[in-house]
Amino acid sequence: MSNELGLSNKNASWIAYIFSFVSGIFILAIDKGDKTVRTHAWQSIFLGIAFTVLFVVLGILSLIPFLGVLFSILLWIGGLVWFLVTLFCIINVINGEIFKIPVIYDMAVKNAEGTSK
């Protein structure tokens, strides 16, 4: 099955993760029907938003004298975790599976069901 751009569902699903919430929104805009693709897109969006909020909070906290070093390290670790989770999601899509990120996956499924009608 393919969408308006001629992408297979598998390709559309892994592309949703490439540029975080930007590519997730793009995939939602072009794929109106497949629930699995929309679930991946929503999961990408929520993952991107969660880590963006984390980066902003840790970035602000890293400005605190003395403790800022600790928050800077946590910011670096958060970026690495985001990259690895995104990569793991892409690898799972390529293998025909979905990595269910706790809390985020449930929200993604709920939104995928609500927007595919």
N, C-alpha and C. Protein backbone atom coordinates (compact mmCIF):
# COMPACT_ATOMS: atom_id res chain seq x y z
N MET A 1 0.84 -1.17 0.00
CA MET A 1 0.00 0.00 0.00
C MET A 1 0.89 1.24 0.00
N SER A 2 0.48 2.30 -0.66
CA SER A 2 1.27 3.52 -0.70
C SER A 2 0.39 4.73 -0.48
N ASN A 3 1.05 5.88 -0.28
CA ASN A 3 0.33 7.12 -0.01
C ASN A 3 0.44 8.04 -1.22
N GLU A 4 0.12 9.32 -1.02
CA GLU A 4 0.10 10.27 -2.13
C GLU A 4 1.47 10.45 -2.79
N LEU A 5 2.56 10.25 -2.06
CA LEU A 5 3.90 10.38 -2.63
C LEU A 5 4.41 9.07 -3.22
N GLY A 6 3.64 8.02 -3.11
CA GLY A 6 4.06 6.73 -3.63
C GLY A 6 4.98 5.97 -2.69
N LEU A 7 5.08 6.40 -1.44
CA LEU A 7 5.91 5.70 -0.46
C LEU A 7 5.17 4.48 0.07
N SER A 8 5.91 3.40 0.29
CA SER A 8 5.29 2.26 0.94
C SER A 8 5.04 2.62 2.41
N ASN A 9 4.17 1.86 3.05
CA ASN A 9 3.88 2.13 4.46
C ASN A 9 5.13 2.02 5.32
N LYS A 10 5.98 1.05 5.02
CA LYS A 10 7.22 0.88 5.79
C LYS A 10 8.12 2.09 5.63
N ASN A 11 8.29 2.56 4.38
CA ASN A 11 9.14 3.73 4.15
C ASN A 11 8.57 4.98 4.80
N ALA A 12 7.27 5.18 4.69
CA ALA A 12 6.64 6.34 5.32
C ALA A 12 6.81 6.28 6.84
N SER A 13 6.76 5.09 7.40
CA SER A 13 6.88 4.93 8.85
C SER A 13 8.28 5.30 9.34
N TRP A 14 9.32 4.82 8.67
CA TRP A 14 10.66 5.15 9.17
C TRP A 14 11.05 6.59 8.83
N ILE A 15 10.52 7.13 7.75
CA ILE A 15 10.79 8.53 7.41
C ILE A 15 10.21 9.46 8.48
N ALA A 16 9.12 9.04 9.11
CA ALA A 16 8.50 9.86 10.16
C ALA A 16 9.47 10.16 11.30
N TYR A 17 10.45 9.30 11.51
CA TYR A 17 11.39 9.49 12.62
C TYR A 17 12.63 10.31 12.24
N ILE A 18 12.92 10.45 10.97
CA ILE A 18 14.19 11.04 10.54
C ILE A 18 14.41 12.45 11.08
N PHE A 19 13.47 13.35 10.91
CA PHE A 19 13.62 14.73 11.38
C PHE A 19 12.67 15.03 12.55
N SER A 20 12.46 14.01 13.38
CA SER A 20 11.66 14.15 14.59
C SER A 20 10.25 14.63 14.28
N PHE A 21 9.77 15.61 15.01
CA PHE A 21 8.37 16.02 14.86
C PHE A 21 8.09 16.68 13.52
N VAL A 22 9.11 17.22 12.87
CA VAL A 22 8.91 17.86 11.54
C VAL A 22 8.51 16.80 10.51
N SER A 23 9.27 15.71 10.45
CA SER A 23 8.93 14.66 9.49
C SER A 23 7.67 13.91 9.92
N GLY A 24 7.41 13.84 11.23
CA GLY A 24 6.16 13.23 11.71
C GLY A 24 4.95 14.00 11.22
N ILE A 25 5.02 15.33 11.31
CA ILE A 25 3.92 16.17 10.82
C ILE A 25 3.76 16.01 9.31
N PHE A 26 4.88 15.96 8.60
CA PHE A 26 4.85 15.79 7.15
C PHE A 26 4.15 14.48 6.77
N ILE A 27 4.50 13.40 7.46
CA ILE A 27 3.89 12.10 7.17
C ILE A 27 2.40 12.12 7.50
N LEU A 28 2.02 12.76 8.60
CA LEU A 28 0.59 12.88 8.93
C LEU A 28 -0.16 13.61 7.83
N ALA A 29 0.48 14.60 7.24
CA ALA A 29 -0.18 15.40 6.20
C ALA A 29 -0.38 14.60 4.91
N ILE A 30 0.54 13.69 4.60
CA ILE A 30 0.42 12.97 3.33
C ILE A 30 -0.23 11.60 3.45
N ASP A 31 -0.30 11.04 4.65
CA ASP A 31 -0.89 9.71 4.80
C ASP A 31 -2.14 9.80 5.65
N LYS A 32 -3.27 9.68 5.01
CA LYS A 32 -4.55 9.83 5.71
C LYS A 32 -5.18 8.51 6.17
N GLY A 33 -4.65 7.37 5.70
CA GLY A 33 -5.38 6.15 5.93
C GLY A 33 -4.76 5.11 6.83
N ASP A 34 -3.47 4.86 6.72
CA ASP A 34 -2.89 3.72 7.42
C ASP A 34 -2.63 4.04 8.90
N LYS A 35 -3.25 3.28 9.78
CA LYS A 35 -3.14 3.53 11.21
C LYS A 35 -1.72 3.30 11.72
N THR A 36 -1.02 2.31 11.19
CA THR A 36 0.34 2.03 11.65
C THR A 36 1.28 3.17 11.30
N VAL A 37 1.18 3.69 10.09
CA VAL A 37 2.01 4.82 9.68
C VAL A 37 1.70 6.03 10.54
N ARG A 38 0.43 6.27 10.78
CA ARG A 38 0.04 7.41 11.60
C ARG A 38 0.50 7.24 13.04
N THR A 39 0.50 6.01 13.55
CA THR A 39 1.01 5.75 14.90
C THR A 39 2.49 6.09 14.99
N HIS A 40 3.26 5.67 13.99
CA HIS A 40 4.69 6.00 13.97
C HIS A 40 4.89 7.51 13.89
N ALA A 41 4.10 8.18 13.07
CA ALA A 41 4.23 9.63 12.92
C ALA A 41 3.92 10.34 14.24
N TRP A 42 2.84 9.93 14.89
CA TRP A 42 2.49 10.54 16.18
C TRP A 42 3.54 10.23 17.24
N GLN A 43 4.05 9.02 17.24
CA GLN A 43 5.09 8.68 18.22
C GLN A 43 6.33 9.53 17.99
N SER A 44 6.69 9.76 16.74
CA SER A 44 7.82 10.63 16.41
C SER A 44 7.57 12.06 16.89
N ILE A 45 6.37 12.55 16.68
CA ILE A 45 6.03 13.91 17.11
C ILE A 45 6.12 14.03 18.63
N PHE A 46 5.51 13.10 19.35
CA PHE A 46 5.53 13.18 20.81
C PHE A 46 6.95 12.99 21.37
N LEU A 47 7.72 12.10 20.76
CA LEU A 47 9.11 11.91 21.18
C LEU A 47 9.91 13.19 20.97
N GLY A 48 9.75 13.81 19.81
CA GLY A 48 10.45 15.05 19.52
C GLY A 48 10.07 16.18 20.46
N ILE A 49 8.78 16.30 20.76
CA ILE A 49 8.32 17.34 21.67
C ILE A 49 8.85 17.10 23.08
N ALA A 50 8.81 15.85 23.54
CA ALA A 50 9.29 15.53 24.88
C ALA A 50 10.77 15.88 25.03
N PHE A 51 11.57 15.52 24.05
CA PHE A 51 12.99 15.82 24.15
C PHE A 51 13.29 17.29 23.92
N THR A 52 12.48 17.98 23.14
CA THR A 52 12.66 19.42 22.98
C THR A 52 12.41 20.13 24.31
N VAL A 53 11.36 19.75 25.00
CA VAL A 53 11.08 20.33 26.32
C VAL A 53 12.23 20.02 27.28
N LEU A 54 12.70 18.78 27.27
CA LEU A 54 13.82 18.40 28.13
C LEU A 54 15.06 19.24 27.82
N PHE A 55 15.36 19.43 26.53
CA PHE A 55 16.53 20.22 26.14
C PHE A 55 16.41 21.66 26.60
N VAL A 56 15.22 22.24 26.47
CA VAL A 56 15.03 23.64 26.89
C VAL A 56 15.21 23.76 28.40
N VAL A 57 14.58 22.86 29.15
CA VAL A 57 14.68 22.92 30.62
C VAL A 57 16.12 22.71 31.07
N LEU A 58 16.78 21.68 30.54
CA LEU A 58 18.17 21.43 30.93
C LEU A 58 19.10 22.54 30.44
N GLY A 59 18.79 23.12 29.29
CA GLY A 59 19.59 24.24 28.78
C GLY A 59 19.52 25.44 29.70
N ILE A 60 18.33 25.73 30.19
CA ILE A 60 18.17 26.84 31.13
C ILE A 60 18.86 26.52 32.46
N LEU A 61 18.67 25.30 32.94
CA LEU A 61 19.29 24.91 34.21
C LEU A 61 20.81 24.86 34.12
N SER A 62 21.34 24.63 32.93
CA SER A 62 22.79 24.58 32.77
C SER A 62 23.44 25.96 32.95
N LEU A 63 22.63 27.01 32.99
CA LEU A 63 23.15 28.36 33.21
C LEU A 63 23.39 28.66 34.69
N ILE A 64 22.93 27.79 35.57
CA ILE A 64 23.11 27.98 37.01
C ILE A 64 24.58 27.78 37.36
N PRO A 65 25.17 28.72 38.07
CA PRO A 65 26.58 28.55 38.46
C PRO A 65 26.79 27.27 39.27
N PHE A 66 27.89 26.63 39.06
CA PHE A 66 28.32 25.40 39.71
C PHE A 66 27.49 24.18 39.30
N LEU A 67 26.18 24.22 39.47
CA LEU A 67 25.33 23.09 39.08
C LEU A 67 25.16 23.00 37.56
N GLY A 68 25.46 24.07 36.87
CA GLY A 68 25.30 24.11 35.42
C GLY A 68 26.07 23.02 34.71
N VAL A 69 27.23 22.66 35.25
CA VAL A 69 28.03 21.60 34.64
C VAL A 69 27.27 20.28 34.66
N LEU A 70 26.63 19.98 35.78
CA LEU A 70 25.84 18.75 35.90
C LEU A 70 24.70 18.75 34.88
N PHE A 71 23.99 19.87 34.77
CA PHE A 71 22.88 19.95 33.83
C PHE A 71 23.36 19.91 32.38
N SER A 72 24.55 20.45 32.13
CA SER A 72 25.13 20.37 30.78
C SER A 72 25.43 18.92 30.41
N ILE A 73 25.94 18.16 31.37
CA ILE A 73 26.21 16.74 31.14
C ILE A 73 24.90 15.99 30.90
N LEU A 74 23.88 16.31 31.70
CA LEU A 74 22.57 15.67 31.51
C LEU A 74 21.98 16.05 30.15
N LEU A 75 22.23 17.26 29.72
CA LEU A 75 21.76 17.70 28.40
C LEU A 75 22.42 16.87 27.31
N TRP A 76 23.71 16.65 27.42
CA TRP A 76 24.44 15.84 26.44
C TRP A 76 23.92 14.39 26.45
N ILE A 77 23.73 13.84 27.65
CA ILE A 77 23.22 12.47 27.77
C ILE A 77 21.80 12.38 27.20
N GLY A 78 20.97 13.40 27.45
CA GLY A 78 19.62 13.43 26.89
C GLY A 78 19.62 13.41 25.37
N GLY A 79 20.54 14.16 24.78
CA GLY A 79 20.66 14.16 23.31
C GLY A 79 21.06 12.79 22.78
N LEU A 80 21.97 12.14 23.48
CA LEU A 80 22.40 10.80 23.08
C LEU A 80 21.25 9.81 23.20
N VAL A 81 20.50 9.90 24.30
CA VAL A 81 19.35 9.00 24.49
C VAL A 81 18.31 9.23 23.40
N TRP A 82 18.02 10.50 23.09
CA TRP A 82 17.06 10.80 22.03
C TRP A 82 17.52 10.18 20.71
N PHE A 83 18.79 10.34 20.37
CA PHE A 83 19.32 9.78 19.13
C PHE A 83 19.18 8.26 19.11
N LEU A 84 19.54 7.61 20.21
CA LEU A 84 19.48 6.15 20.26
C LEU A 84 18.05 5.63 20.20
N VAL A 85 17.12 6.29 20.89
CA VAL A 85 15.71 5.87 20.85
C VAL A 85 15.16 6.04 19.43
N THR A 86 15.49 7.16 18.79
CA THR A 86 15.05 7.39 17.42
C THR A 86 15.61 6.33 16.48
N LEU A 87 16.90 6.04 16.63
CA LEU A 87 17.54 5.01 15.80
C LEU A 87 16.91 3.65 16.04
N PHE A 88 16.62 3.33 17.29
CA PHE A 88 15.99 2.06 17.63
C PHE A 88 14.59 1.96 17.01
N CYS A 89 13.86 3.07 17.03
CA CYS A 89 12.53 3.10 16.39
C CYS A 89 12.65 2.84 14.89
N ILE A 90 13.61 3.47 14.24
CA ILE A 90 13.81 3.29 12.79
C ILE A 90 14.17 1.84 12.48
N ILE A 91 15.07 1.26 13.26
CA ILE A 91 15.49 -0.13 13.04
C ILE A 91 14.29 -1.07 13.21
N ASN A 92 13.47 -0.82 14.22
CA ASN A 92 12.28 -1.65 14.42
C ASN A 92 11.31 -1.54 13.26
N VAL A 93 11.13 -0.33 12.72
CA VAL A 93 10.24 -0.16 11.57
C VAL A 93 10.76 -0.96 10.38
N ILE A 94 12.05 -0.89 10.14
CA ILE A 94 12.65 -1.62 9.02
C ILE A 94 12.44 -3.12 9.18
N ASN A 95 12.44 -3.59 10.44
CA ASN A 95 12.20 -5.01 10.71
C ASN A 95 10.71 -5.37 10.81
N GLY A 96 9.85 -4.41 10.52
CA GLY A 96 8.41 -4.67 10.51
C GLY A 96 7.76 -4.65 11.89
N GLU A 97 8.40 -4.03 12.86
CA GLU A 97 7.87 -3.98 14.21
C GLU A 97 7.70 -2.53 14.64
N ILE A 98 7.17 -2.34 15.84
CA ILE A 98 7.08 -1.00 16.41
C ILE A 98 7.64 -1.04 17.82
N PHE A 99 8.52 -0.09 18.11
CA PHE A 99 9.07 0.04 19.45
C PHE A 99 8.10 0.90 20.25
N LYS A 100 7.51 0.31 21.26
CA LYS A 100 6.49 1.00 22.04
C LYS A 100 7.15 1.78 23.17
N ILE A 101 7.35 3.07 22.93
CA ILE A 101 7.94 3.93 23.95
C ILE A 101 6.88 4.13 25.03
N PRO A 102 7.22 3.82 26.29
CA PRO A 102 6.23 3.95 27.36
C PRO A 102 5.58 5.34 27.37
N VAL A 103 4.31 5.38 27.62
CA VAL A 103 3.47 6.58 27.69
C VAL A 103 3.28 7.19 26.29
N ILE A 104 4.37 7.44 25.58
CA ILE A 104 4.30 8.07 24.27
C ILE A 104 3.54 7.19 23.27
N TYR A 105 3.78 5.88 23.31
CA TYR A 105 3.11 4.97 22.37
C TYR A 105 1.59 5.01 22.56
N ASP A 106 1.15 4.98 23.81
CA ASP A 106 -0.30 5.00 24.08
C ASP A 106 -0.94 6.29 23.54
N MET A 107 -0.27 7.42 23.74
CA MET A 107 -0.79 8.68 23.21
C MET A 107 -0.80 8.66 21.69
N ALA A 108 0.23 8.05 21.08
CA ALA A 108 0.32 7.97 19.62
C ALA A 108 -0.82 7.14 19.05
N VAL A 109 -1.11 6.00 19.68
CA VAL A 109 -2.19 5.13 19.21
C VAL A 109 -3.53 5.86 19.30
N LYS A 110 -3.74 6.54 20.42
CA LYS A 110 -4.99 7.28 20.61
C LYS A 110 -5.17 8.34 19.53
N ASN A 111 -4.11 9.07 19.23
CA ASN A 111 -4.19 10.11 18.21
C ASN A 111 -4.30 9.53 16.81
N ALA A 112 -3.64 8.42 16.55
CA ALA A 112 -3.72 7.78 15.22
C ALA A 112 -5.13 7.30 14.94
N GLU A 113 -5.79 6.78 15.96
CA GLU A 113 -7.17 6.31 15.79
C GLU A 113 -8.11 7.48 15.60
N GLY A 114 -7.86 8.56 16.31
CA GLY A 114 -8.74 9.73 16.25
C GLY A 114 -8.60 10.54 15.00
N THR A 115 -7.45 10.49 14.33
CA THR A 115 -7.24 11.33 13.15
C THR A 115 -7.38 10.59 11.84
N SER A 116 -7.56 9.27 11.88
CA SER A 116 -7.63 8.53 10.62
C SER A 116 -9.06 8.43 10.09
N LYS A 117 -10.02 9.00 10.78
CA LYS A 117 -11.42 8.90 10.37
C LYS A 117 -11.75 9.89 9.29
